[in-house]
């Protein structure tokens, strides 16, 4: 399901307990800039954006990953607010990280190191 960037930013602010503390203006723009960098860092096909997204632009976040991605974004955004990440948000972020890894494996977006594919067989290693 697609959600807007503003929805993700607002939810992360709620998760951090900072919603309503100057979220309009500079903090919102900082959140949007961080969200753009965060989505690009995920290296997933649906987040490879040719240009940065705006507040009203939709982001194609699979339903199963929405809470995890929002929590991971909140964890990255917390230092700019000067707040610590609440334990429940940290737990969801940790679970979200695992869900992202699983999603990458299921949908073919995981990158496998060529070195693992070119390992010699055990008979050569043992000298047989």
Foldseek 3Di string as FASTA:
>chain_A
DKDFLLVLLQVLCVQQVNRPVCCPDPVVVVLQVLLLVLLCVLQDPQSPDPDRGDRGDIRDDPPVLSLLSSLLSSCVSCVVVVGHRPVVSVVSVVVSVVVSVVVCVVVVRDDDDVVVVPDDDVCVVVPD
